[in-house]
Amino acid sequence: PDTREARRFLTGPRGCEITGACMTPDGNTLFVNVQHPGEAGAVGVDPARPRSVSNWPDHRPDGRPRSATLAIRRVDGGPVGT
């Protein structure tokens, strides 16, 4: 739509990159990749303790951060981003 406003609808875990955004032809599903959550070398990450920053996507106390692909859809089934 031509509203000329931007609104944030997606953020990733600390230290990650959101990459590879791809929309289905009907606009109802947006696929994105979450890469390197809690990766050593990111600001504030202790390589010996990767869970100190992120344990995404499982959120378990013993879970290690892992990359993932997400499929984002609207609850009402309409096009994403409108």
N, C-alpha and C. Protein backbone atom coordinates (compact mmCIF):
# COMPACT_ATOMS: atom_id res chain seq x y z
N PRO A 1 0.83 -1.21 0.00
CA PRO A 1 0.00 0.00 0.00
C PRO A 1 0.86 1.26 0.00
N ASP A 2 0.31 2.32 -0.45
CA ASP A 2 1.05 3.57 -0.57
C ASP A 2 0.82 4.46 0.65
N THR A 3 1.22 3.98 1.83
CA THR A 3 1.04 4.76 3.06
C THR A 3 2.27 5.59 3.39
N ARG A 4 3.38 5.29 2.75
CA ARG A 4 4.65 5.98 2.98
C ARG A 4 5.13 5.87 4.42
N GLU A 5 4.78 4.79 5.09
CA GLU A 5 5.29 4.57 6.44
C GLU A 5 5.89 3.17 6.52
N ALA A 6 6.94 3.08 7.31
CA ALA A 6 7.58 1.79 7.53
C ALA A 6 7.33 1.37 8.97
N ARG A 7 7.00 0.09 9.14
CA ARG A 7 6.79 -0.45 10.49
C ARG A 7 7.56 -1.75 10.61
N ARG A 8 8.26 -1.92 11.71
CA ARG A 8 9.02 -3.14 11.95
C ARG A 8 8.06 -4.25 12.35
N PHE A 9 8.20 -5.40 11.72
CA PHE A 9 7.38 -6.54 12.11
C PHE A 9 8.22 -7.78 12.38
N LEU A 10 9.53 -7.68 12.25
CA LEU A 10 10.39 -8.84 12.44
C LEU A 10 11.72 -8.39 13.04
N THR A 11 12.13 -9.04 14.09
CA THR A 11 13.47 -8.87 14.62
C THR A 11 14.03 -10.26 14.87
N GLY A 12 15.32 -10.37 14.90
CA GLY A 12 15.95 -11.67 15.12
C GLY A 12 16.64 -11.74 16.47
N PRO A 13 17.08 -12.93 16.85
CA PRO A 13 17.81 -13.08 18.10
C PRO A 13 19.12 -12.29 18.06
N ARG A 14 19.63 -11.95 19.20
CA ARG A 14 20.86 -11.16 19.31
C ARG A 14 22.01 -11.84 18.57
N GLY A 15 22.74 -11.06 17.80
CA GLY A 15 23.91 -11.54 17.09
C GLY A 15 23.62 -12.22 15.77
N CYS A 16 22.36 -12.27 15.34
CA CYS A 16 22.03 -13.00 14.11
C CYS A 16 22.00 -12.07 12.90
N GLU A 17 21.85 -12.68 11.74
CA GLU A 17 21.57 -11.97 10.49
C GLU A 17 20.23 -12.49 10.00
N ILE A 18 19.35 -11.60 9.54
CA ILE A 18 18.13 -12.00 8.85
C ILE A 18 18.47 -11.92 7.37
N THR A 19 18.35 -13.04 6.65
CA THR A 19 18.79 -13.09 5.25
C THR A 19 17.76 -13.81 4.39
N GLY A 20 17.95 -13.72 3.09
CA GLY A 20 17.23 -14.53 2.12
C GLY A 20 15.74 -14.35 2.09
N ALA A 21 15.24 -13.15 2.34
CA ALA A 21 13.79 -12.94 2.31
C ALA A 21 13.23 -13.27 0.94
N CYS A 22 12.18 -14.09 0.93
CA CYS A 22 11.57 -14.52 -0.32
C CYS A 22 10.06 -14.67 -0.10
N MET A 23 9.27 -14.05 -0.95
CA MET A 23 7.81 -14.06 -0.83
C MET A 23 7.22 -15.07 -1.81
N THR A 24 6.16 -15.75 -1.40
CA THR A 24 5.44 -16.62 -2.33
C THR A 24 4.73 -15.75 -3.36
N PRO A 25 4.44 -16.28 -4.55
CA PRO A 25 3.81 -15.47 -5.59
C PRO A 25 2.49 -14.80 -5.16
N ASP A 26 1.73 -15.45 -4.27
CA ASP A 26 0.47 -14.84 -3.83
C ASP A 26 0.65 -13.82 -2.71
N GLY A 27 1.88 -13.68 -2.19
CA GLY A 27 2.16 -12.71 -1.14
C GLY A 27 1.71 -13.11 0.25
N ASN A 28 1.24 -14.34 0.41
CA ASN A 28 0.70 -14.77 1.70
C ASN A 28 1.72 -15.40 2.64
N THR A 29 2.91 -15.71 2.15
CA THR A 29 3.95 -16.29 3.01
C THR A 29 5.29 -15.63 2.68
N LEU A 30 5.99 -15.22 3.72
CA LEU A 30 7.33 -14.66 3.59
C LEU A 30 8.30 -15.63 4.26
N PHE A 31 9.29 -16.10 3.53
CA PHE A 31 10.32 -16.96 4.08
C PHE A 31 11.56 -16.11 4.38
N VAL A 32 12.14 -16.29 5.55
CA VAL A 32 13.38 -15.61 5.92
C VAL A 32 14.28 -16.60 6.63
N ASN A 33 15.57 -16.36 6.56
CA ASN A 33 16.55 -17.19 7.26
C ASN A 33 17.13 -16.42 8.44
N VAL A 34 17.31 -17.11 9.54
CA VAL A 34 17.98 -16.57 10.72
C VAL A 34 19.33 -17.27 10.77
N GLN A 35 20.40 -16.52 10.52
CA GLN A 35 21.73 -17.12 10.47
C GLN A 35 22.57 -16.62 11.64
N HIS A 36 23.37 -17.51 12.16
CA HIS A 36 24.40 -17.22 13.16
C HIS A 36 23.90 -16.63 14.48
N PRO A 37 22.75 -17.07 15.02
CA PRO A 37 22.35 -16.51 16.32
C PRO A 37 23.36 -16.92 17.39
N GLY A 38 23.83 -15.96 18.16
CA GLY A 38 24.79 -16.25 19.23
C GLY A 38 26.15 -16.69 18.75
N GLU A 39 26.49 -16.39 17.50
CA GLU A 39 27.76 -16.86 16.93
C GLU A 39 28.96 -16.21 17.61
N ALA A 40 29.99 -17.01 17.82
CA ALA A 40 31.24 -16.47 18.35
C ALA A 40 31.74 -15.37 17.43
N GLY A 41 32.20 -14.30 18.00
CA GLY A 41 32.66 -13.16 17.21
C GLY A 41 31.64 -12.03 17.18
N ALA A 42 30.38 -12.35 17.45
CA ALA A 42 29.37 -11.29 17.53
C ALA A 42 29.62 -10.48 18.80
N VAL A 43 29.19 -9.26 18.80
CA VAL A 43 29.40 -8.38 19.95
C VAL A 43 28.76 -8.99 21.19
N GLY A 44 29.53 -9.09 22.26
CA GLY A 44 29.01 -9.58 23.53
C GLY A 44 28.94 -11.09 23.66
N VAL A 45 29.46 -11.85 22.69
CA VAL A 45 29.38 -13.31 22.75
C VAL A 45 30.70 -13.90 23.22
N ASP A 46 30.64 -14.71 24.25
CA ASP A 46 31.80 -15.45 24.74
C ASP A 46 31.83 -16.78 23.98
N PRO A 47 32.84 -17.03 23.13
CA PRO A 47 32.88 -18.26 22.33
C PRO A 47 32.76 -19.54 23.17
N ALA A 48 33.21 -19.50 24.41
CA ALA A 48 33.12 -20.68 25.27
C ALA A 48 31.71 -20.88 25.82
N ARG A 49 30.87 -19.83 25.73
CA ARG A 49 29.52 -19.92 26.28
C ARG A 49 28.51 -19.32 25.29
N PRO A 50 28.23 -19.98 24.17
CA PRO A 50 27.33 -19.40 23.17
C PRO A 50 25.92 -19.16 23.70
N ARG A 51 25.49 -19.93 24.70
CA ARG A 51 24.14 -19.74 25.25
C ARG A 51 24.04 -18.49 26.11
N SER A 52 25.18 -17.85 26.41
CA SER A 52 25.13 -16.64 27.23
C SER A 52 24.39 -15.51 26.51
N VAL A 53 24.30 -15.58 25.20
CA VAL A 53 23.62 -14.55 24.41
C VAL A 53 22.32 -15.07 23.81
N SER A 54 22.30 -16.32 23.36
CA SER A 54 21.12 -16.84 22.68
C SER A 54 21.03 -18.35 22.83
N ASN A 55 19.82 -18.84 23.01
CA ASN A 55 19.56 -20.28 22.92
C ASN A 55 18.38 -20.49 21.97
N TRP A 56 18.28 -19.59 21.00
CA TRP A 56 17.23 -19.64 20.00
C TRP A 56 17.51 -20.77 19.02
N PRO A 57 16.58 -21.54 18.53
CA PRO A 57 15.13 -21.36 18.61
C PRO A 57 14.43 -22.17 19.69
N ASP A 58 15.14 -23.04 20.40
CA ASP A 58 14.47 -23.92 21.37
C ASP A 58 14.20 -23.24 22.70
N HIS A 59 15.02 -22.27 23.08
CA HIS A 59 14.90 -21.55 24.36
C HIS A 59 15.05 -22.47 25.57
N ARG A 60 15.68 -23.62 25.38
CA ARG A 60 15.95 -24.53 26.51
C ARG A 60 17.23 -24.07 27.20
N PRO A 61 17.33 -24.27 28.51
CA PRO A 61 18.55 -23.86 29.22
C PRO A 61 19.81 -24.52 28.67
N ASP A 62 19.69 -25.74 28.15
CA ASP A 62 20.85 -26.44 27.60
C ASP A 62 20.90 -26.35 26.07
N GLY A 63 20.01 -25.56 25.46
CA GLY A 63 19.95 -25.46 24.00
C GLY A 63 21.02 -24.56 23.43
N ARG A 64 21.61 -24.98 22.32
CA ARG A 64 22.60 -24.15 21.62
C ARG A 64 21.89 -23.34 20.55
N PRO A 65 22.37 -22.14 20.26
CA PRO A 65 21.77 -21.35 19.19
C PRO A 65 21.98 -22.03 17.85
N ARG A 66 20.92 -22.01 17.00
CA ARG A 66 21.00 -22.64 15.69
C ARG A 66 20.31 -21.78 14.64
N SER A 67 20.80 -21.87 13.43
CA SER A 67 20.18 -21.18 12.31
C SER A 67 18.86 -21.87 11.97
N ALA A 68 17.96 -21.14 11.30
CA ALA A 68 16.67 -21.70 10.93
C ALA A 68 16.07 -20.90 9.79
N THR A 69 15.10 -21.50 9.11
CA THR A 69 14.29 -20.82 8.11
C THR A 69 12.89 -20.66 8.69
N LEU A 70 12.34 -19.47 8.59
CA LEU A 70 11.00 -19.18 9.11
C LEU A 70 10.04 -18.94 7.97
N ALA A 71 8.80 -19.38 8.13
CA ALA A 71 7.71 -19.06 7.22
C ALA A 71 6.76 -18.14 7.99
N ILE A 72 6.57 -16.93 7.52
CA ILE A 72 5.76 -15.93 8.21
C ILE A 72 4.46 -15.74 7.44
N ARG A 73 3.34 -15.88 8.16
CA ARG A 73 2.01 -15.71 7.57
C ARG A 73 1.17 -14.83 8.48
N ARG A 74 0.19 -14.16 7.91
CA ARG A 74 -0.74 -13.38 8.71
C ARG A 74 -1.80 -14.30 9.32
N VAL A 75 -2.27 -13.96 10.50
CA VAL A 75 -3.31 -14.74 11.16
C VAL A 75 -4.59 -14.76 10.33
N ASP A 76 -4.91 -13.63 9.68
CA ASP A 76 -6.15 -13.56 8.90
C ASP A 76 -5.99 -14.12 7.48
N GLY A 77 -4.80 -14.62 7.14
CA GLY A 77 -4.58 -15.23 5.83
C GLY A 77 -4.31 -14.25 4.71
N GLY A 78 -4.28 -12.96 4.99
CA GLY A 78 -4.04 -11.96 3.96
C GLY A 78 -2.57 -11.85 3.61
N PRO A 79 -2.26 -10.98 2.65
CA PRO A 79 -0.87 -10.79 2.24
C PRO A 79 -0.01 -10.24 3.37
N VAL A 80 1.21 -10.73 3.47
CA VAL A 80 2.17 -10.27 4.48
C VAL A 80 2.60 -8.85 4.11
N GLY A 81 2.66 -7.98 5.10
CA GLY A 81 3.16 -6.62 4.89
C GLY A 81 2.10 -5.60 4.54
N THR A 82 0.84 -5.98 4.65
CA THR A 82 -0.23 -5.00 4.36
C THR A 82 -1.04 -4.74 5.60
